[in-house]
Amino acid sequence: MLDAANDEGVPVRVVPRATLDALADEHQGVVARVGTGDTKELSERDLATSSFADDALVVVLDGITDPQNLGAAARSAEAAGAAMLVSRTRRAAEVTPAAVRASAGALMHLPHARVANIARAIERLQDLGFWVVGLDERADVTIYDEACPPGRIAVVIGGEGEGMARLTRERCDQLLSLPMRGRVGSLNAAASLAAVLYAYVLPARA
């Protein structure tokens, strides 16, 4: 850690453990104080006016309420090269220190639009040429039955338990499921997102 800090010119100060305990509830002997730089929360208007690449990927979270799940989903989205993360402003997880920690810092890099109405946000994405795929365990078609189409794509993941809201589901261009061959009925939202991104979206862009 010290070598990495020195290589990047990050100043380091050695303090008693009690000082670290006062700064953070959970740490492993190191606490970093960071700024957000130019990152900022985006709105629905920003979503509509953003410039996306022809093969852009956007991840939409509909009702993810657990900050750990939000962070893990953001980590998978950023690792897969997503251009933006979209989530709800109400009844949804906030970007808390726990979420940032679970994201391994991805939430500091990934543009994040928080919108009041997910169905309307999906419509805006469709107006921008996105094909919107919703992950729904009730869908008859799995991610292995059809190849991911070329061009811009948005992947929608619902919250655990309830899944996507009805209007969100109806707004999607296509609903797909993950094949479940074990005894458990489903994966959590973040794990499902990672599976879709790496088994469905990215192979089509390789």
N, C-alpha and C. Protein backbone atom coordinates (compact mmCIF):
# COMPACT_ATOMS: atom_id res chain seq x y z
N MET A 1 0.82 -1.20 0.00
CA MET A 1 0.00 0.00 0.00
C MET A 1 0.86 1.26 0.00
N LEU A 2 1.92 1.24 0.82
CA LEU A 2 2.81 2.39 0.87
C LEU A 2 3.54 2.59 -0.46
N ASP A 3 3.97 1.49 -1.08
CA ASP A 3 4.65 1.59 -2.36
C ASP A 3 3.71 2.18 -3.42
N ALA A 4 2.46 1.71 -3.44
CA ALA A 4 1.49 2.22 -4.42
C ALA A 4 1.23 3.70 -4.20
N ALA A 5 1.10 4.11 -2.94
CA ALA A 5 0.87 5.52 -2.64
C ALA A 5 2.05 6.37 -3.08
N ASN A 6 3.26 5.88 -2.80
CA ASN A 6 4.45 6.63 -3.19
C ASN A 6 4.56 6.74 -4.71
N ASP A 7 4.22 5.66 -5.41
CA ASP A 7 4.29 5.66 -6.88
C ASP A 7 3.35 6.69 -7.48
N GLU A 8 2.20 6.91 -6.84
CA GLU A 8 1.20 7.84 -7.36
C GLU A 8 1.29 9.22 -6.74
N GLY A 9 2.27 9.42 -5.87
CA GLY A 9 2.43 10.73 -5.24
C GLY A 9 1.35 11.07 -4.23
N VAL A 10 0.76 10.05 -3.63
CA VAL A 10 -0.29 10.26 -2.62
C VAL A 10 0.36 10.42 -1.25
N PRO A 11 0.13 11.53 -0.56
CA PRO A 11 0.74 11.71 0.76
C PRO A 11 0.19 10.70 1.77
N VAL A 12 1.05 10.21 2.63
CA VAL A 12 0.67 9.22 3.64
C VAL A 12 1.05 9.75 5.01
N ARG A 13 0.15 9.56 5.96
CA ARG A 13 0.42 9.99 7.33
C ARG A 13 0.17 8.80 8.25
N VAL A 14 1.12 8.48 9.09
CA VAL A 14 0.98 7.39 10.05
C VAL A 14 0.38 7.93 11.34
N VAL A 15 -0.73 7.31 11.78
CA VAL A 15 -1.43 7.77 12.97
C VAL A 15 -1.77 6.57 13.85
N PRO A 16 -2.11 6.80 15.12
CA PRO A 16 -2.53 5.69 15.98
C PRO A 16 -3.82 5.05 15.47
N ARG A 17 -4.00 3.79 15.79
CA ARG A 17 -5.19 3.08 15.33
C ARG A 17 -6.47 3.76 15.82
N ALA A 18 -6.43 4.35 16.98
CA ALA A 18 -7.62 5.02 17.51
C ALA A 18 -8.08 6.15 16.60
N THR A 19 -7.13 6.80 15.93
CA THR A 19 -7.49 7.86 14.99
C THR A 19 -8.24 7.29 13.80
N LEU A 20 -7.77 6.12 13.30
CA LEU A 20 -8.47 5.47 12.20
C LEU A 20 -9.86 5.02 12.62
N ASP A 21 -9.97 4.51 13.85
CA ASP A 21 -11.27 4.06 14.36
C ASP A 21 -12.27 5.20 14.39
N ALA A 22 -11.78 6.41 14.66
CA ALA A 22 -12.67 7.57 14.70
C ALA A 22 -13.07 8.02 13.30
N LEU A 23 -12.27 7.69 12.30
CA LEU A 23 -12.57 8.10 10.93
C LEU A 23 -13.48 7.14 10.20
N ALA A 24 -13.39 5.83 10.52
CA ALA A 24 -14.15 4.83 9.79
C ALA A 24 -14.54 3.69 10.72
N ASP A 25 -15.79 3.23 10.59
CA ASP A 25 -16.26 2.12 11.42
C ASP A 25 -15.54 0.83 11.07
N GLU A 26 -15.26 0.65 9.77
CA GLU A 26 -14.59 -0.56 9.31
C GLU A 26 -13.37 -0.17 8.49
N HIS A 27 -12.23 -0.70 8.87
CA HIS A 27 -11.01 -0.46 8.10
C HIS A 27 -10.04 -1.61 8.38
N GLN A 28 -9.04 -1.72 7.56
CA GLN A 28 -8.02 -2.76 7.74
C GLN A 28 -6.66 -2.11 7.94
N GLY A 29 -6.67 -1.08 8.76
CA GLY A 29 -5.43 -0.40 9.06
C GLY A 29 -5.09 0.75 8.13
N VAL A 30 -5.99 1.01 7.17
CA VAL A 30 -5.76 2.09 6.21
C VAL A 30 -7.07 2.84 5.99
N VAL A 31 -7.01 4.15 6.02
CA VAL A 31 -8.17 4.98 5.67
C VAL A 31 -7.71 6.00 4.63
N ALA A 32 -8.45 6.10 3.57
CA ALA A 32 -8.13 7.08 2.51
C ALA A 32 -9.20 8.15 2.48
N ARG A 33 -8.76 9.37 2.39
CA ARG A 33 -9.69 10.49 2.23
C ARG A 33 -9.62 10.94 0.78
N VAL A 34 -10.74 10.82 0.07
CA VAL A 34 -10.74 11.10 -1.36
C VAL A 34 -11.79 12.15 -1.69
N GLY A 35 -11.58 12.82 -2.79
CA GLY A 35 -12.57 13.76 -3.31
C GLY A 35 -13.31 13.13 -4.46
N THR A 36 -14.46 13.69 -4.78
CA THR A 36 -15.28 13.14 -5.86
C THR A 36 -14.87 13.68 -7.22
N GLY A 37 -13.95 14.66 -7.25
CA GLY A 37 -13.52 15.20 -8.54
C GLY A 37 -14.71 15.81 -9.28
N ASP A 38 -14.84 15.45 -10.55
CA ASP A 38 -15.91 16.01 -11.38
C ASP A 38 -17.16 15.14 -11.38
N THR A 39 -17.14 14.04 -10.61
CA THR A 39 -18.30 13.16 -10.62
C THR A 39 -19.48 13.86 -9.97
N LYS A 40 -20.64 13.66 -10.53
CA LYS A 40 -21.84 14.24 -9.95
C LYS A 40 -23.03 13.37 -10.32
N GLU A 41 -24.06 13.48 -9.52
CA GLU A 41 -25.28 12.73 -9.80
C GLU A 41 -25.99 13.38 -10.98
N LEU A 42 -26.42 12.55 -11.91
CA LEU A 42 -27.10 13.05 -13.10
C LEU A 42 -28.61 12.94 -12.93
N SER A 43 -29.33 13.70 -13.73
CA SER A 43 -30.79 13.70 -13.69
C SER A 43 -31.35 13.05 -14.95
N GLU A 44 -32.67 12.97 -15.03
CA GLU A 44 -33.31 12.43 -16.22
C GLU A 44 -33.01 13.30 -17.44
N ARG A 45 -32.90 14.60 -17.23
CA ARG A 45 -32.58 15.49 -18.35
C ARG A 45 -31.18 15.19 -18.88
N ASP A 46 -30.23 14.93 -17.97
CA ASP A 46 -28.88 14.57 -18.40
C ASP A 46 -28.90 13.27 -19.19
N LEU A 47 -29.75 12.34 -18.78
CA LEU A 47 -29.86 11.07 -19.49
C LEU A 47 -30.28 11.30 -20.93
N ALA A 48 -31.24 12.19 -21.14
CA ALA A 48 -31.77 12.43 -22.48
C ALA A 48 -30.79 13.18 -23.36
N THR A 49 -29.88 13.94 -22.77
CA THR A 49 -28.98 14.78 -23.57
C THR A 49 -27.56 14.23 -23.63
N SER A 50 -27.32 13.09 -23.03
CA SER A 50 -25.97 12.52 -23.02
C SER A 50 -25.60 12.00 -24.41
N SER A 51 -24.32 12.02 -24.69
CA SER A 51 -23.81 11.51 -25.96
C SER A 51 -23.29 10.09 -25.73
N PHE A 52 -23.88 9.12 -26.42
CA PHE A 52 -23.50 7.72 -26.25
C PHE A 52 -22.84 7.19 -27.52
N ALA A 53 -21.90 6.27 -27.33
CA ALA A 53 -21.27 5.60 -28.46
C ALA A 53 -22.29 4.69 -29.15
N ASP A 54 -21.99 4.30 -30.38
CA ASP A 54 -22.92 3.48 -31.15
C ASP A 54 -23.17 2.12 -30.51
N ASP A 55 -22.21 1.63 -29.72
CA ASP A 55 -22.38 0.33 -29.06
C ASP A 55 -22.44 0.48 -27.54
N ALA A 56 -22.96 1.62 -27.08
CA ALA A 56 -22.98 1.92 -25.65
C ALA A 56 -23.83 0.92 -24.88
N LEU A 57 -23.41 0.67 -23.64
CA LEU A 57 -24.14 -0.18 -22.70
C LEU A 57 -24.57 0.67 -21.52
N VAL A 58 -25.85 0.59 -21.17
CA VAL A 58 -26.38 1.28 -19.99
C VAL A 58 -27.04 0.23 -19.10
N VAL A 59 -26.81 0.33 -17.80
CA VAL A 59 -27.42 -0.58 -16.83
C VAL A 59 -28.46 0.18 -16.04
N VAL A 60 -29.68 -0.37 -15.98
CA VAL A 60 -30.80 0.26 -15.29
C VAL A 60 -31.20 -0.61 -14.11
N LEU A 61 -31.23 -0.03 -12.92
CA LEU A 61 -31.62 -0.74 -11.71
C LEU A 61 -32.98 -0.25 -11.26
N ASP A 62 -33.95 -1.15 -11.23
CA ASP A 62 -35.32 -0.77 -10.88
C ASP A 62 -35.68 -1.31 -9.50
N GLY A 63 -35.44 -0.50 -8.48
CA GLY A 63 -35.86 -0.89 -7.15
C GLY A 63 -34.83 -1.66 -6.34
N ILE A 64 -33.55 -1.46 -6.62
CA ILE A 64 -32.50 -2.06 -5.80
C ILE A 64 -32.39 -1.24 -4.52
N THR A 65 -32.71 -1.84 -3.39
CA THR A 65 -32.78 -1.09 -2.14
C THR A 65 -31.58 -1.33 -1.21
N ASP A 66 -30.80 -2.34 -1.47
CA ASP A 66 -29.65 -2.67 -0.62
C ASP A 66 -28.41 -1.96 -1.14
N PRO A 67 -27.78 -1.10 -0.33
CA PRO A 67 -26.57 -0.40 -0.80
C PRO A 67 -25.46 -1.35 -1.25
N GLN A 68 -25.35 -2.50 -0.59
CA GLN A 68 -24.33 -3.47 -1.00
C GLN A 68 -24.61 -3.98 -2.41
N ASN A 69 -25.89 -4.23 -2.70
CA ASN A 69 -26.28 -4.69 -4.03
C ASN A 69 -26.05 -3.60 -5.07
N LEU A 70 -26.36 -2.36 -4.71
CA LEU A 70 -26.10 -1.23 -5.61
C LEU A 70 -24.62 -1.17 -5.94
N GLY A 71 -23.78 -1.25 -4.91
CA GLY A 71 -22.34 -1.17 -5.13
C GLY A 71 -21.82 -2.32 -5.98
N ALA A 72 -22.29 -3.53 -5.69
CA ALA A 72 -21.84 -4.70 -6.45
C ALA A 72 -22.30 -4.61 -7.90
N ALA A 73 -23.52 -4.12 -8.12
CA ALA A 73 -24.02 -3.95 -9.48
C ALA A 73 -23.21 -2.90 -10.23
N ALA A 74 -22.89 -1.81 -9.56
CA ALA A 74 -22.09 -0.76 -10.19
C ALA A 74 -20.70 -1.29 -10.55
N ARG A 75 -20.16 -2.13 -9.69
CA ARG A 75 -18.83 -2.71 -9.95
C ARG A 75 -18.86 -3.56 -11.22
N SER A 76 -19.89 -4.41 -11.35
CA SER A 76 -20.01 -5.24 -12.54
C SER A 76 -20.24 -4.39 -13.79
N ALA A 77 -21.09 -3.36 -13.65
CA ALA A 77 -21.40 -2.50 -14.79
C ALA A 77 -20.16 -1.76 -15.28
N GLU A 78 -19.40 -1.20 -14.35
CA GLU A 78 -18.20 -0.44 -14.73
C GLU A 78 -17.15 -1.36 -15.32
N ALA A 79 -17.00 -2.56 -14.75
CA ALA A 79 -16.02 -3.52 -15.27
C ALA A 79 -16.37 -3.96 -16.68
N ALA A 80 -17.66 -4.01 -16.99
CA ALA A 80 -18.11 -4.43 -18.32
C ALA A 80 -18.10 -3.28 -19.32
N GLY A 81 -17.71 -2.09 -18.87
CA GLY A 81 -17.61 -0.95 -19.78
C GLY A 81 -18.88 -0.17 -19.96
N ALA A 82 -19.80 -0.24 -19.00
CA ALA A 82 -21.05 0.50 -19.11
C ALA A 82 -20.79 2.00 -19.18
N ALA A 83 -21.59 2.68 -19.99
CA ALA A 83 -21.46 4.13 -20.13
C ALA A 83 -22.19 4.88 -19.02
N MET A 84 -23.19 4.22 -18.42
CA MET A 84 -24.00 4.90 -17.41
C MET A 84 -24.78 3.89 -16.58
N LEU A 85 -25.02 4.26 -15.34
CA LEU A 85 -25.89 3.52 -14.44
C LEU A 85 -27.12 4.39 -14.18
N VAL A 86 -28.30 3.77 -14.23
CA VAL A 86 -29.55 4.50 -13.98
C VAL A 86 -30.27 3.81 -12.83
N SER A 87 -30.74 4.60 -11.86
CA SER A 87 -31.52 4.03 -10.76
C SER A 87 -32.60 5.01 -10.34
N ARG A 88 -33.49 4.55 -9.44
CA ARG A 88 -34.62 5.38 -9.01
C ARG A 88 -34.20 6.33 -7.90
N THR A 89 -34.94 7.42 -7.80
CA THR A 89 -34.70 8.37 -6.71
C THR A 89 -35.45 7.97 -5.45
N ARG A 90 -36.55 7.23 -5.61
CA ARG A 90 -37.36 6.84 -4.44
C ARG A 90 -37.38 5.33 -4.30
N ARG A 91 -37.47 4.90 -3.06
CA ARG A 91 -37.51 3.47 -2.74
C ARG A 91 -36.36 2.73 -3.43
N ALA A 92 -35.17 3.31 -3.30
CA ALA A 92 -33.98 2.73 -3.91
C ALA A 92 -32.77 3.08 -3.05
N ALA A 93 -31.73 2.30 -3.17
CA ALA A 93 -30.52 2.51 -2.38
C ALA A 93 -29.85 3.83 -2.74
N GLU A 94 -29.35 4.50 -1.71
CA GLU A 94 -28.56 5.72 -1.91
C GLU A 94 -27.09 5.34 -2.09
N VAL A 95 -26.33 6.28 -2.61
CA VAL A 95 -24.89 6.07 -2.73
C VAL A 95 -24.26 6.39 -1.38
N THR A 96 -24.17 5.39 -0.54
CA THR A 96 -23.62 5.51 0.80
C THR A 96 -22.17 5.03 0.81
N PRO A 97 -21.43 5.29 1.89
CA PRO A 97 -20.07 4.73 1.98
C PRO A 97 -20.06 3.21 1.80
N ALA A 98 -21.08 2.53 2.31
CA ALA A 98 -21.15 1.08 2.14
C ALA A 98 -21.29 0.70 0.67
N ALA A 99 -22.10 1.48 -0.06
CA ALA A 99 -22.28 1.22 -1.50
C ALA A 99 -20.99 1.46 -2.26
N VAL A 100 -20.30 2.55 -1.95
CA VAL A 100 -19.04 2.86 -2.62
C VAL A 100 -18.01 1.78 -2.33
N ARG A 101 -17.99 1.31 -1.07
CA ARG A 101 -17.04 0.27 -0.70
C ARG A 101 -17.34 -1.02 -1.46
N ALA A 102 -18.62 -1.39 -1.55
CA ALA A 102 -19.00 -2.61 -2.27
C ALA A 102 -18.72 -2.49 -3.76
N SER A 103 -18.71 -1.26 -4.26
CA SER A 103 -18.45 -1.05 -5.70
C SER A 103 -16.97 -1.06 -6.03
N ALA A 104 -16.11 -1.18 -5.01
CA ALA A 104 -14.65 -1.11 -5.20
C ALA A 104 -14.24 0.18 -5.91
N GLY A 105 -15.00 1.24 -5.64
CA GLY A 105 -14.70 2.55 -6.24
C GLY A 105 -15.39 2.81 -7.57
N ALA A 106 -16.12 1.82 -8.10
CA ALA A 106 -16.76 2.00 -9.40
C ALA A 106 -17.75 3.16 -9.40
N LEU A 107 -18.42 3.38 -8.29
CA LEU A 107 -19.40 4.48 -8.22
C LEU A 107 -18.74 5.85 -8.31
N MET A 108 -17.42 5.89 -8.13
CA MET A 108 -16.69 7.15 -8.28
C MET A 108 -16.37 7.43 -9.74
N HIS A 109 -16.47 6.41 -10.59
CA HIS A 109 -16.08 6.56 -11.99
C HIS A 109 -17.26 6.48 -12.95
N LEU A 110 -18.30 5.75 -12.57
CA LEU A 110 -19.41 5.47 -13.47
C LEU A 110 -20.47 6.57 -13.38
N PRO A 111 -20.78 7.25 -14.49
CA PRO A 111 -21.87 8.24 -14.45
C PRO A 111 -23.16 7.58 -13.96
N HIS A 112 -23.85 8.26 -13.06
CA HIS A 112 -25.02 7.67 -12.40
C HIS A 112 -26.20 8.63 -12.48
N ALA A 113 -27.20 8.26 -13.24
CA ALA A 113 -28.41 9.07 -13.36
C ALA A 113 -29.47 8.52 -12.42
N ARG A 114 -30.02 9.36 -11.57
CA ARG A 114 -31.11 8.95 -10.68
C ARG A 114 -32.38 9.62 -11.17
N VAL A 115 -33.39 8.81 -11.44
CA VAL A 115 -34.61 9.31 -12.09
C VAL A 115 -35.83 8.94 -11.25
N ALA A 116 -36.89 9.73 -11.41
CA ALA A 116 -38.13 9.48 -10.67
C ALA A 116 -38.94 8.35 -11.28
N ASN A 117 -38.82 8.19 -12.59
CA ASN A 117 -39.67 7.24 -13.30
C ASN A 117 -38.80 6.38 -14.23
N ILE A 118 -38.61 5.11 -13.85
CA ILE A 118 -37.75 4.22 -14.64
C ILE A 118 -38.35 3.95 -16.02
N ALA A 119 -39.66 3.75 -16.09
CA ALA A 119 -40.29 3.47 -17.39
C ALA A 119 -40.07 4.63 -18.35
N ARG A 120 -40.17 5.85 -17.86
CA ARG A 120 -39.95 7.02 -18.72
C ARG A 120 -38.47 7.12 -19.11
N ALA A 121 -37.58 6.77 -18.19
CA ALA A 121 -36.15 6.78 -18.51
C ALA A 121 -35.85 5.76 -19.60
N ILE A 122 -36.49 4.60 -19.54
CA ILE A 122 -36.30 3.58 -20.58
C ILE A 122 -36.78 4.13 -21.92
N GLU A 123 -37.90 4.82 -21.91
CA GLU A 123 -38.42 5.41 -23.15
C GLU A 123 -37.43 6.41 -23.74
N ARG A 124 -36.79 7.19 -22.87
CA ARG A 124 -35.78 8.14 -23.35
C ARG A 124 -34.61 7.39 -23.98
N LEU A 125 -34.19 6.30 -23.37
CA LEU A 125 -33.11 5.50 -23.92
C LEU A 125 -33.50 4.92 -25.28
N GLN A 126 -34.74 4.45 -25.38
CA GLN A 126 -35.22 3.92 -26.66
C GLN A 126 -35.22 4.99 -27.73
N ASP A 127 -35.57 6.21 -27.35
CA ASP A 127 -35.54 7.32 -28.31
C ASP A 127 -34.11 7.58 -28.81
N LEU A 128 -33.12 7.20 -27.99
CA LEU A 128 -31.72 7.37 -28.35
C LEU A 128 -31.16 6.14 -29.07
N GLY A 129 -32.04 5.19 -29.39
CA GLY A 129 -31.61 4.03 -30.17
C GLY A 129 -31.19 2.83 -29.36
N PHE A 130 -31.51 2.80 -28.07
CA PHE A 130 -31.16 1.65 -27.24
C PHE A 130 -32.20 0.54 -27.38
N TRP A 131 -31.72 -0.69 -27.48
CA TRP A 131 -32.57 -1.87 -27.35
C TRP A 131 -32.55 -2.25 -25.88
N VAL A 132 -33.73 -2.33 -25.27
CA VAL A 132 -33.82 -2.49 -23.81
C VAL A 132 -34.22 -3.92 -23.47
N VAL A 133 -33.35 -4.60 -22.75
CA VAL A 133 -33.55 -5.98 -22.33
C VAL A 133 -33.78 -6.02 -20.83
N GLY A 134 -34.90 -6.59 -20.41
CA GLY A 134 -35.19 -6.74 -19.00
C GLY A 134 -34.96 -8.17 -18.55
N LEU A 135 -34.34 -8.34 -17.40
CA LEU A 135 -34.12 -9.69 -16.87
C LEU A 135 -35.31 -10.07 -16.00
N ASP A 136 -36.02 -11.12 -16.42
CA ASP A 136 -37.24 -11.53 -15.74
C ASP A 136 -37.24 -13.06 -15.64
N GLU A 137 -37.28 -13.57 -14.44
CA GLU A 137 -37.19 -15.02 -14.25
C GLU A 137 -38.38 -15.76 -14.86
N ARG A 138 -39.47 -15.03 -15.16
CA ARG A 138 -40.65 -15.67 -15.77
C ARG A 138 -40.59 -15.72 -17.29
N ALA A 139 -39.58 -15.09 -17.88
CA ALA A 139 -39.48 -15.06 -19.34
C ALA A 139 -39.18 -16.47 -19.88
N ASP A 140 -39.82 -16.80 -21.00
CA ASP A 140 -39.62 -18.12 -21.62
C ASP A 140 -38.29 -18.19 -22.36
N VAL A 141 -37.78 -17.05 -22.80
CA VAL A 141 -36.54 -17.00 -23.57
C VAL A 141 -35.38 -16.72 -22.62
N THR A 142 -34.31 -17.52 -22.70
CA THR A 142 -33.15 -17.31 -21.85
C THR A 142 -32.07 -16.55 -22.62
N ILE A 143 -31.03 -16.15 -21.90
CA ILE A 143 -29.94 -15.41 -22.53
C ILE A 143 -29.17 -16.27 -23.52
N TYR A 144 -29.36 -17.59 -23.48
CA TYR A 144 -28.67 -18.48 -24.42
C TYR A 144 -29.50 -18.75 -25.67
N ASP A 145 -30.76 -18.39 -25.65
CA ASP A 145 -31.63 -18.68 -26.80
C ASP A 145 -31.44 -17.71 -27.95
N GLU A 146 -31.05 -16.47 -27.64
CA GLU A 146 -30.88 -15.45 -28.67
C GLU A 146 -29.62 -14.65 -28.40
N ALA A 147 -28.93 -14.30 -29.47
CA ALA A 147 -27.72 -13.49 -29.32
C ALA A 147 -28.08 -12.04 -29.02
N CYS A 148 -27.22 -11.37 -28.31
CA CYS A 148 -27.43 -9.95 -28.02
C CYS A 148 -27.34 -9.18 -29.33
N PRO A 149 -28.30 -8.31 -29.61
CA PRO A 149 -28.27 -7.55 -30.86
C PRO A 149 -27.14 -6.52 -30.86
N PRO A 150 -26.69 -6.13 -32.05
CA PRO A 150 -25.65 -5.09 -32.12
C PRO A 150 -26.23 -3.72 -31.77
N GLY A 151 -25.35 -2.77 -31.59
CA GLY A 151 -25.79 -1.41 -31.30
C GLY A 151 -25.93 -1.14 -29.82
N ARG A 152 -26.61 -0.07 -29.51
CA ARG A 152 -26.79 0.35 -28.12
C ARG A 152 -27.74 -0.59 -27.39
N ILE A 153 -27.37 -0.95 -26.17
CA ILE A 153 -28.23 -1.85 -25.40
C ILE A 153 -28.29 -1.39 -23.95
N ALA A 154 -29.49 -1.50 -23.37
CA ALA A 154 -29.69 -1.22 -21.95
C ALA A 154 -30.19 -2.49 -21.29
N VAL A 155 -29.60 -2.83 -20.16
CA VAL A 155 -29.99 -4.02 -19.40
C VAL A 155 -30.68 -3.56 -18.13
N VAL A 156 -31.89 -4.07 -17.91
CA VAL A 156 -32.69 -3.67 -16.75
C VAL A 156 -32.76 -4.82 -15.75
N ILE A 157 -32.43 -4.51 -14.50
CA ILE A 157 -32.48 -5.49 -13.42
C ILE A 157 -33.43 -4.98 -12.35
N GLY A 158 -34.36 -5.83 -11.91
CA GLY A 158 -35.29 -5.45 -10.86
C GLY A 158 -34.76 -5.78 -9.49
N GLY A 159 -35.45 -5.31 -8.47
CA GLY A 159 -35.06 -5.58 -7.10
C GLY A 159 -35.33 -7.02 -6.72
N GLU A 160 -34.64 -7.48 -5.68
CA GLU A 160 -34.86 -8.84 -5.20
C GLU A 160 -36.28 -8.96 -4.64
N GLY A 161 -36.88 -10.09 -4.89
CA GLY A 161 -38.24 -10.31 -4.40
C GLY A 161 -39.27 -9.88 -5.41
N GLU A 162 -39.46 -8.59 -5.60
CA GLU A 162 -40.50 -8.08 -6.49
C GLU A 162 -40.06 -8.05 -7.95
N GLY A 163 -38.77 -8.00 -8.21
CA GLY A 163 -38.31 -7.87 -9.59
C GLY A 163 -38.65 -6.49 -10.16
N MET A 164 -38.76 -6.42 -11.46
CA MET A 164 -39.09 -5.15 -12.10
C MET A 164 -40.55 -4.77 -11.85
N ALA A 165 -40.80 -3.47 -11.77
CA ALA A 165 -42.18 -3.00 -11.68
C ALA A 165 -42.91 -3.32 -12.99
N ARG A 166 -44.23 -3.41 -12.91
CA ARG A 166 -45.02 -3.80 -14.09
C ARG A 166 -44.79 -2.86 -15.26
N LEU A 167 -44.82 -1.57 -15.02
CA LEU A 167 -44.63 -0.61 -16.12
C LEU A 167 -43.23 -0.71 -16.72
N THR A 168 -42.26 -0.99 -15.87
CA THR A 168 -40.90 -1.18 -16.37
C THR A 168 -40.84 -2.39 -17.28
N ARG A 169 -41.44 -3.48 -16.82
CA ARG A 169 -41.43 -4.72 -17.60
C ARG A 169 -42.10 -4.52 -18.96
N GLU A 170 -43.23 -3.81 -18.95
CA GLU A 170 -43.97 -3.60 -20.19
C GLU A 170 -43.23 -2.68 -21.15
N ARG A 171 -42.35 -1.83 -20.62
CA ARG A 171 -41.64 -0.88 -21.46
C ARG A 171 -40.43 -1.51 -22.15
N CYS A 172 -39.93 -2.62 -21.63
CA CYS A 172 -38.75 -3.27 -22.22
C CYS A 172 -39.06 -3.79 -23.62
N ASP A 173 -38.05 -3.80 -24.47
CA ASP A 173 -38.20 -4.37 -25.81
C ASP A 173 -38.22 -5.89 -25.77
N GLN A 174 -37.52 -6.47 -24.80
CA GLN A 174 -37.42 -7.92 -24.71
C GLN A 174 -37.18 -8.33 -23.26
N LEU A 175 -37.76 -9.45 -22.88
CA LEU A 175 -37.55 -10.01 -21.55
C LEU A 175 -36.79 -11.33 -21.69
N LEU A 176 -35.75 -11.48 -20.89
CA LEU A 176 -34.94 -12.69 -20.91
C LEU A 176 -34.78 -13.22 -19.49
N SER A 177 -34.51 -14.49 -19.39
CA SER A 177 -34.27 -15.10 -18.07
C SER A 177 -32.91 -15.75 -18.06
N LEU A 178 -32.44 -16.05 -16.86
CA LEU A 178 -31.22 -16.82 -16.68
C LEU A 178 -31.61 -18.28 -16.46
N PRO A 179 -30.98 -19.22 -17.15
CA PRO A 179 -31.30 -20.63 -16.89
C PRO A 179 -30.81 -21.02 -15.50
N MET A 180 -31.70 -21.58 -14.69
CA MET A 180 -31.36 -21.99 -13.33
C MET A 180 -31.40 -23.51 -13.27
N ARG A 181 -30.25 -24.14 -13.12
CA ARG A 181 -30.17 -25.58 -13.17
C ARG A 181 -29.95 -26.22 -11.80
N GLY A 182 -29.79 -25.42 -10.81
CA GLY A 182 -29.63 -25.94 -9.46
C GLY A 182 -30.94 -25.91 -8.70
N ARG A 183 -30.84 -25.99 -7.40
CA ARG A 183 -32.04 -26.03 -6.56
C ARG A 183 -32.52 -24.64 -6.14
N VAL A 184 -31.63 -23.65 -6.19
CA VAL A 184 -32.07 -22.30 -5.85
C VAL A 184 -32.85 -21.72 -7.02
N GLY A 185 -33.81 -20.86 -6.71
CA GLY A 185 -34.69 -20.35 -7.75
C GLY A 185 -34.16 -19.14 -8.48
N SER A 186 -33.20 -18.44 -7.88
CA SER A 186 -32.73 -17.21 -8.52
C SER A 186 -31.40 -16.79 -7.90
N LEU A 187 -30.75 -15.84 -8.58
CA LEU A 187 -29.55 -15.20 -8.05
C LEU A 187 -29.93 -13.82 -7.53
N ASN A 188 -29.07 -13.23 -6.70
CA ASN A 188 -29.39 -11.87 -6.29
C ASN A 188 -29.18 -10.92 -7.46
N ALA A 189 -29.62 -9.69 -7.30
CA ALA A 189 -29.64 -8.76 -8.44
C ALA A 189 -28.26 -8.52 -9.01
N ALA A 190 -27.27 -8.30 -8.15
CA ALA A 190 -25.93 -8.00 -8.64
C ALA A 190 -25.31 -9.19 -9.37
N ALA A 191 -25.52 -10.39 -8.83
CA ALA A 191 -24.99 -11.59 -9.48
C ALA A 191 -25.69 -11.83 -10.82
N SER A 192 -27.00 -11.58 -10.87
CA SER A 192 -27.74 -11.73 -12.12
C SER A 192 -27.23 -10.77 -13.18
N LEU A 193 -26.96 -9.53 -12.76
CA LEU A 193 -26.44 -8.54 -13.70
C LEU A 193 -25.10 -8.98 -14.25
N ALA A 194 -24.21 -9.44 -13.39
CA ALA A 194 -22.89 -9.88 -13.85
C ALA A 194 -23.02 -11.02 -14.86
N ALA A 195 -23.94 -11.95 -14.58
CA ALA A 195 -24.13 -13.08 -15.50
C ALA A 195 -24.61 -12.60 -16.86
N VAL A 196 -25.54 -11.68 -16.88
CA VAL A 196 -26.07 -11.17 -18.15
C VAL A 196 -25.00 -10.40 -18.92
N LEU A 197 -24.26 -9.58 -18.22
CA LEU A 197 -23.25 -8.78 -18.90
C LEU A 197 -22.16 -9.65 -19.53
N TYR A 198 -21.71 -10.66 -18.79
CA TYR A 198 -20.58 -11.44 -19.27
C TYR A 198 -20.96 -12.66 -20.11
N ALA A 199 -22.20 -13.11 -20.00
CA ALA A 199 -22.61 -14.26 -20.81
C ALA A 199 -23.47 -13.86 -22.01
N TYR A 200 -24.01 -12.64 -22.00
CA TYR A 200 -24.93 -12.22 -23.07
C TYR A 200 -24.43 -10.98 -23.81
N VAL A 201 -24.11 -9.93 -23.10
CA VAL A 201 -23.76 -8.66 -23.75
C VAL A 201 -22.34 -8.68 -24.31
N LEU A 202 -21.36 -8.94 -23.46
CA LEU A 202 -19.97 -8.81 -23.89
C LEU A 202 -19.55 -9.79 -24.99
N PRO A 203 -20.03 -11.04 -24.99
CA PRO A 203 -19.64 -11.93 -26.10
C PRO A 203 -20.03 -11.37 -27.47
N ALA A 204 -21.12 -10.62 -27.54
CA ALA A 204 -21.55 -10.04 -28.82
C ALA A 204 -20.68 -8.88 -29.24
N ARG A 205 -19.88 -8.36 -28.31
CA ARG A 205 -19.02 -7.22 -28.60
C ARG A 205 -17.55 -7.61 -28.65
N ALA A 206 -17.26 -8.90 -28.55
CA ALA A 206 -15.87 -9.37 -28.55
C ALA A 206 -15.25 -9.22 -29.94
